[in-house]
Amino acid sequence: MNDKPTRRRLFALLGALPLVSLEARGEEGQEYPLKSDSGEPVVNFRISAELDPANLPGIVWKGPKSADVTLYEWFDYNCGYCKQAARELDDILAQDKRLRLGLINNAMLSIASVQAAKVQQGLFRLHGPAAAYDFHMRMFARRGQNDGTAALDVVRAMGLDVDKVTESANNHSVSEVLTRQARLAQSLGMSMTPTFAVTGVGLLGWPGAGALKTIIANARKCDHPVCG
């Protein structure tokens, strides 16, 4: 299949989706005394009820609706720590059947990241969360820059119709979804990726699998990242 016109359409319509400028989070303190696997403090902060991401459109869910702990991740397809997080989070989800992960785009690093996010949401609209999660993992398994061309190559490798996914990605609703996701990240002061939220608390950066497992266990035990 010759998809060059398809790619041109995808890239030409990027003007409908502006990159949202993020301001750095002012405070560098800790709501809870959290440390990463390397022993470094993890910047964390409370999320107001008005900014709860639960009803945000375009979230790619992995894990059961009946889960007793819900974890949200804001990510960028060109973020190195997001690549590590994707692999280790997938392992955690395989072991913890009571955990639910919600993936939210925060395509802040480049236009290439916006292109990849558009393809993800286009695929999500057509094929649902299972296919979108498969796409997510395949994107982070790649080497090199993740842009629209790379994303469409992944779509093709999944055996899906590239033209249909591109048409879906170029739907105005995709731009609206990604803008809403980016604006929430901006409102929360999430100036880096990955960033997480659990039990109404935001965590900046990837704390490591061990630290995150402890946070999840505490959320299950006392509904806070730290108990006692």
Protein backbone atom coordinates (compact mmCIF):
# COMPACT_ATOMS: atom_id res chain seq x y z
CA MET A 1 0.00 0.00 0.00
CA ASN A 2 1.33 3.42 -0.93
CA ASP A 3 0.66 5.53 2.16
CA LYS A 4 2.67 8.66 1.28
CA PRO A 5 -0.48 10.75 0.66
CA THR A 6 -1.84 9.40 3.94
CA ARG A 7 1.24 10.59 5.79
CA ARG A 8 1.09 13.99 4.13
CA ARG A 9 -2.52 14.38 5.27
CA LEU A 10 -1.57 13.44 8.82
CA PHE A 11 1.27 15.94 8.98
CA ALA A 12 -0.63 18.73 7.19
CA LEU A 13 -3.40 18.70 9.77
CA LEU A 14 -1.07 19.14 12.72
CA GLY A 15 -1.80 22.85 12.62
CA ALA A 16 -5.16 22.09 14.22
CA LEU A 17 -3.40 20.86 17.35
CA PRO A 18 -1.11 23.46 18.96
CA LEU A 19 1.52 22.38 21.43
CA VAL A 20 0.45 23.54 24.87
CA SER A 21 3.22 25.37 26.70
CA LEU A 22 3.72 23.97 30.19
CA GLU A 23 4.91 26.05 33.09
CA ALA A 24 7.23 24.39 35.59
CA ARG A 25 5.63 23.43 38.85
CA GLY A 26 6.56 26.07 41.38
CA GLU A 27 6.85 24.03 44.54
CA GLU A 28 9.57 21.44 44.93
CA GLY A 29 8.38 20.10 48.27
CA GLN A 30 6.64 16.91 49.21
CA GLU A 31 3.12 16.34 50.39
CA TYR A 32 4.36 12.89 51.47
CA PRO A 33 7.92 11.71 52.26
CA LEU A 34 8.36 9.62 49.12
CA LYS A 35 11.65 8.40 47.71
CA SER A 36 12.51 6.79 44.39
CA ASP A 37 14.32 3.50 43.98
CA SER A 38 17.56 5.50 43.79
CA GLY A 39 16.84 7.19 47.13
CA GLU A 40 16.02 10.60 45.65
CA PRO A 41 12.98 12.54 46.91
CA VAL A 42 9.91 12.26 44.69
CA VAL A 43 8.14 15.60 44.24
CA ASN A 44 4.47 15.03 45.00
CA PHE A 45 1.41 17.19 45.51
CA ARG A 46 -2.31 16.97 46.13
CA ILE A 47 -4.69 17.10 43.18
CA SER A 48 -7.88 19.06 43.79
CA ALA A 49 -11.19 17.32 43.16
CA GLU A 50 -11.90 19.81 40.36
CA LEU A 51 -8.86 18.50 38.45
CA ASP A 52 -9.58 14.78 38.91
CA PRO A 53 -8.59 13.11 35.62
CA ALA A 54 -11.18 10.30 35.90
CA ASN A 55 -13.57 11.81 33.34
CA LEU A 56 -10.92 13.04 30.91
CA PRO A 57 -11.64 11.84 27.34
CA GLY A 58 -9.25 9.60 25.45
CA ILE A 59 -7.80 7.70 28.42
CA VAL A 60 -6.41 4.31 27.36
CA TRP A 61 -7.27 1.88 30.14
CA LYS A 62 -5.42 -1.30 31.07
CA GLY A 63 -6.75 -3.41 33.92
CA PRO A 64 -10.21 -4.18 35.30
CA LYS A 65 -12.91 -1.60 36.04
CA SER A 66 -13.33 -3.35 39.41
CA ALA A 67 -9.71 -2.55 40.39
CA ASP A 68 -9.21 -1.27 43.92
CA VAL A 69 -6.36 1.08 42.90
CA THR A 70 -6.32 3.33 39.83
CA LEU A 71 -3.04 4.79 38.60
CA TYR A 72 -2.83 7.49 35.93
CA GLU A 73 0.25 8.18 33.81
CA TRP A 74 0.88 11.27 31.66
CA PHE A 75 3.48 10.38 29.04
CA ASP A 76 5.21 11.48 25.84
CA TYR A 77 6.18 9.00 23.12
CA ASN A 78 9.68 10.51 22.94
CA CYS A 79 10.36 10.43 26.68
CA GLY A 80 13.17 8.05 27.70
CA TYR A 81 11.88 7.54 31.23
CA CYS A 82 8.41 6.85 29.82
CA LYS A 83 9.97 4.03 27.80
CA GLN A 84 11.37 2.49 30.98
CA ALA A 85 8.11 3.08 32.81
CA ALA A 86 6.05 1.40 30.07
CA ARG A 87 8.06 -1.80 30.33
CA GLU A 88 8.09 -1.93 34.13
CA LEU A 89 4.44 -0.89 34.49
CA ASP A 90 3.44 -3.68 32.11
CA ASP A 91 5.21 -6.16 34.41
CA ILE A 92 3.45 -4.69 37.47
CA LEU A 93 0.05 -4.95 35.76
CA ALA A 94 0.74 -8.59 34.85
CA GLN A 95 1.39 -9.36 38.53
CA ASP A 96 -1.28 -7.13 40.10
CA LYS A 97 -4.75 -7.97 38.81
CA ARG A 98 -6.39 -5.43 41.14
CA LEU A 99 -4.60 -2.45 39.57
CA ARG A 100 -5.94 -0.30 36.74
CA LEU A 101 -3.74 2.01 34.66
CA GLY A 102 -5.04 5.00 32.72
CA LEU A 103 -2.70 6.33 30.02
CA ILE A 104 -2.99 10.06 29.21
CA ASN A 105 -1.04 11.86 26.49
CA ASN A 106 1.15 14.81 27.42
CA ALA A 107 2.85 15.35 24.06
CA MET A 108 5.08 18.20 25.19
CA LEU A 109 8.53 17.40 23.80
CA SER A 110 8.07 17.99 20.05
CA ILE A 111 5.75 18.04 17.05
CA ALA A 112 6.85 14.43 16.49
CA SER A 113 5.28 13.54 19.83
CA VAL A 114 2.02 15.22 18.79
CA GLN A 115 2.01 13.22 15.55
CA ALA A 116 2.43 9.96 17.45
CA ALA A 117 -0.28 10.93 19.95
CA LYS A 118 -2.71 11.68 17.12
CA VAL A 119 -2.18 8.23 15.63
CA GLN A 120 -2.68 6.63 19.04
CA GLN A 121 -6.00 8.42 19.52
CA GLY A 122 -7.07 7.69 15.95
CA LEU A 123 -6.44 4.00 16.51
CA PHE A 124 -8.17 4.16 19.90
CA ARG A 125 -11.33 5.62 18.30
CA LEU A 126 -11.50 2.75 15.81
CA HIS A 127 -10.27 -0.26 17.73
CA GLY A 128 -10.62 0.44 21.46
CA PRO A 129 -8.31 0.26 24.48
CA ALA A 130 -6.77 -3.19 23.95
CA ALA A 131 -5.43 -2.25 20.50
CA ALA A 132 -4.36 1.18 21.76
CA TYR A 133 -2.42 -0.40 24.62
CA ASP A 134 -0.74 -2.82 22.18
CA PHE A 135 0.21 0.19 20.04
CA HIS A 136 1.53 1.97 23.16
CA MET A 137 3.85 -0.91 24.05
CA ARG A 138 5.05 -1.35 20.48
CA MET A 139 5.88 2.36 20.23
CA PHE A 140 8.04 2.22 23.34
CA ALA A 141 9.74 -0.96 22.10
CA ARG A 142 11.06 0.95 19.07
CA ARG A 143 14.43 2.61 18.75
CA GLY A 144 14.81 6.16 17.55
CA GLN A 145 12.36 9.03 17.33
CA ASN A 146 8.64 8.31 17.55
CA ASP A 147 6.77 10.50 15.06
CA GLY A 148 3.80 10.13 12.74
CA THR A 149 5.70 7.98 10.25
CA ALA A 150 6.89 5.61 12.98
CA ALA A 151 3.40 5.45 14.47
CA LEU A 152 1.86 4.52 11.11
CA ASP A 153 4.55 1.86 10.66
CA VAL A 154 3.44 0.37 13.99
CA VAL A 155 -0.19 0.48 12.85
CA ARG A 156 0.80 -1.43 9.72
CA ALA A 157 2.77 -3.98 11.74
CA MET A 158 -0.35 -4.57 13.83
CA GLY A 159 -2.20 -5.55 10.64
CA LEU A 160 -4.55 -2.55 10.78
CA ASP A 161 -5.71 -0.31 7.94
CA VAL A 162 -3.32 2.67 7.83
CA ASP A 163 -5.68 4.82 5.76
CA LYS A 164 -8.59 4.33 8.15
CA VAL A 165 -6.45 5.04 11.21
CA THR A 166 -5.05 8.17 9.57
CA GLU A 167 -8.54 9.40 8.70
CA SER A 168 -9.58 8.79 12.31
CA ALA A 169 -6.44 10.55 13.61
CA ASN A 170 -7.31 13.61 11.52
CA ASN A 171 -10.82 13.86 12.95
CA HIS A 172 -11.34 17.14 14.80
CA SER A 173 -12.37 15.22 17.93
CA VAL A 174 -8.83 13.81 18.26
CA SER A 175 -7.35 17.32 18.37
CA GLU A 176 -9.94 18.28 20.99
CA VAL A 177 -9.11 15.25 23.14
CA LEU A 178 -5.35 15.83 23.01
CA THR A 179 -5.75 19.52 23.78
CA ARG A 180 -7.91 18.72 26.81
CA GLN A 181 -5.36 16.19 28.02
CA ALA A 182 -2.50 18.67 27.63
CA ARG A 183 -4.45 21.46 29.32
CA LEU A 184 -5.15 19.31 32.36
CA ALA A 185 -1.44 18.50 32.59
CA GLN A 186 -0.74 22.23 32.41
CA SER A 187 -3.30 22.99 35.11
CA LEU A 188 -1.64 20.40 37.35
CA GLY A 189 1.82 21.86 36.74
CA MET A 190 3.09 18.66 35.14
CA SER A 191 6.17 20.07 33.46
CA MET A 192 7.85 16.72 32.81
CA THR A 193 7.04 13.20 31.72
CA PRO A 194 6.23 10.73 32.99
CA THR A 195 3.98 12.03 35.75
CA PHE A 196 1.56 9.94 37.77
CA ALA A 197 -1.52 10.33 39.91
CA VAL A 198 -2.85 7.90 42.51
CA THR A 199 -5.33 8.45 45.36
CA GLY A 200 -5.54 12.16 44.52
CA VAL A 201 -1.77 12.72 44.68
CA GLY A 202 0.47 13.68 41.76
CA LEU A 203 4.01 12.29 41.43
CA LEU A 204 6.61 13.94 39.19
CA GLY A 205 8.95 11.60 37.36
CA TRP A 206 9.43 7.84 37.32
CA PRO A 207 10.08 6.65 40.90
CA GLY A 208 11.03 3.14 39.86
CA ALA A 209 9.10 -0.12 40.01
CA GLY A 210 9.93 -0.86 43.65
CA ALA A 211 8.85 2.56 44.92
CA LEU A 212 5.69 2.48 42.82
CA LYS A 213 4.72 -0.97 44.14
CA THR A 214 5.05 0.39 47.68
CA ILE A 215 2.90 3.41 46.81
CA ILE A 216 0.25 1.13 45.31
CA ALA A 217 0.31 -1.15 48.36
CA ASN A 218 -0.13 1.87 50.66
CA ALA A 219 -2.96 3.22 48.51
CA ARG A 220 -4.66 -0.15 48.92
CA LYS A 221 -4.05 -0.19 52.67
CA CYS A 222 -4.82 3.38 53.76
CA ASP A 223 -5.83 5.31 50.60
CA HIS A 224 -2.62 7.38 50.73
CA PRO A 225 0.83 6.95 49.13
CA VAL A 226 2.32 6.68 52.64
CA CYS A 227 0.59 5.08 55.65
CA GLY A 228 1.10 5.98 59.28
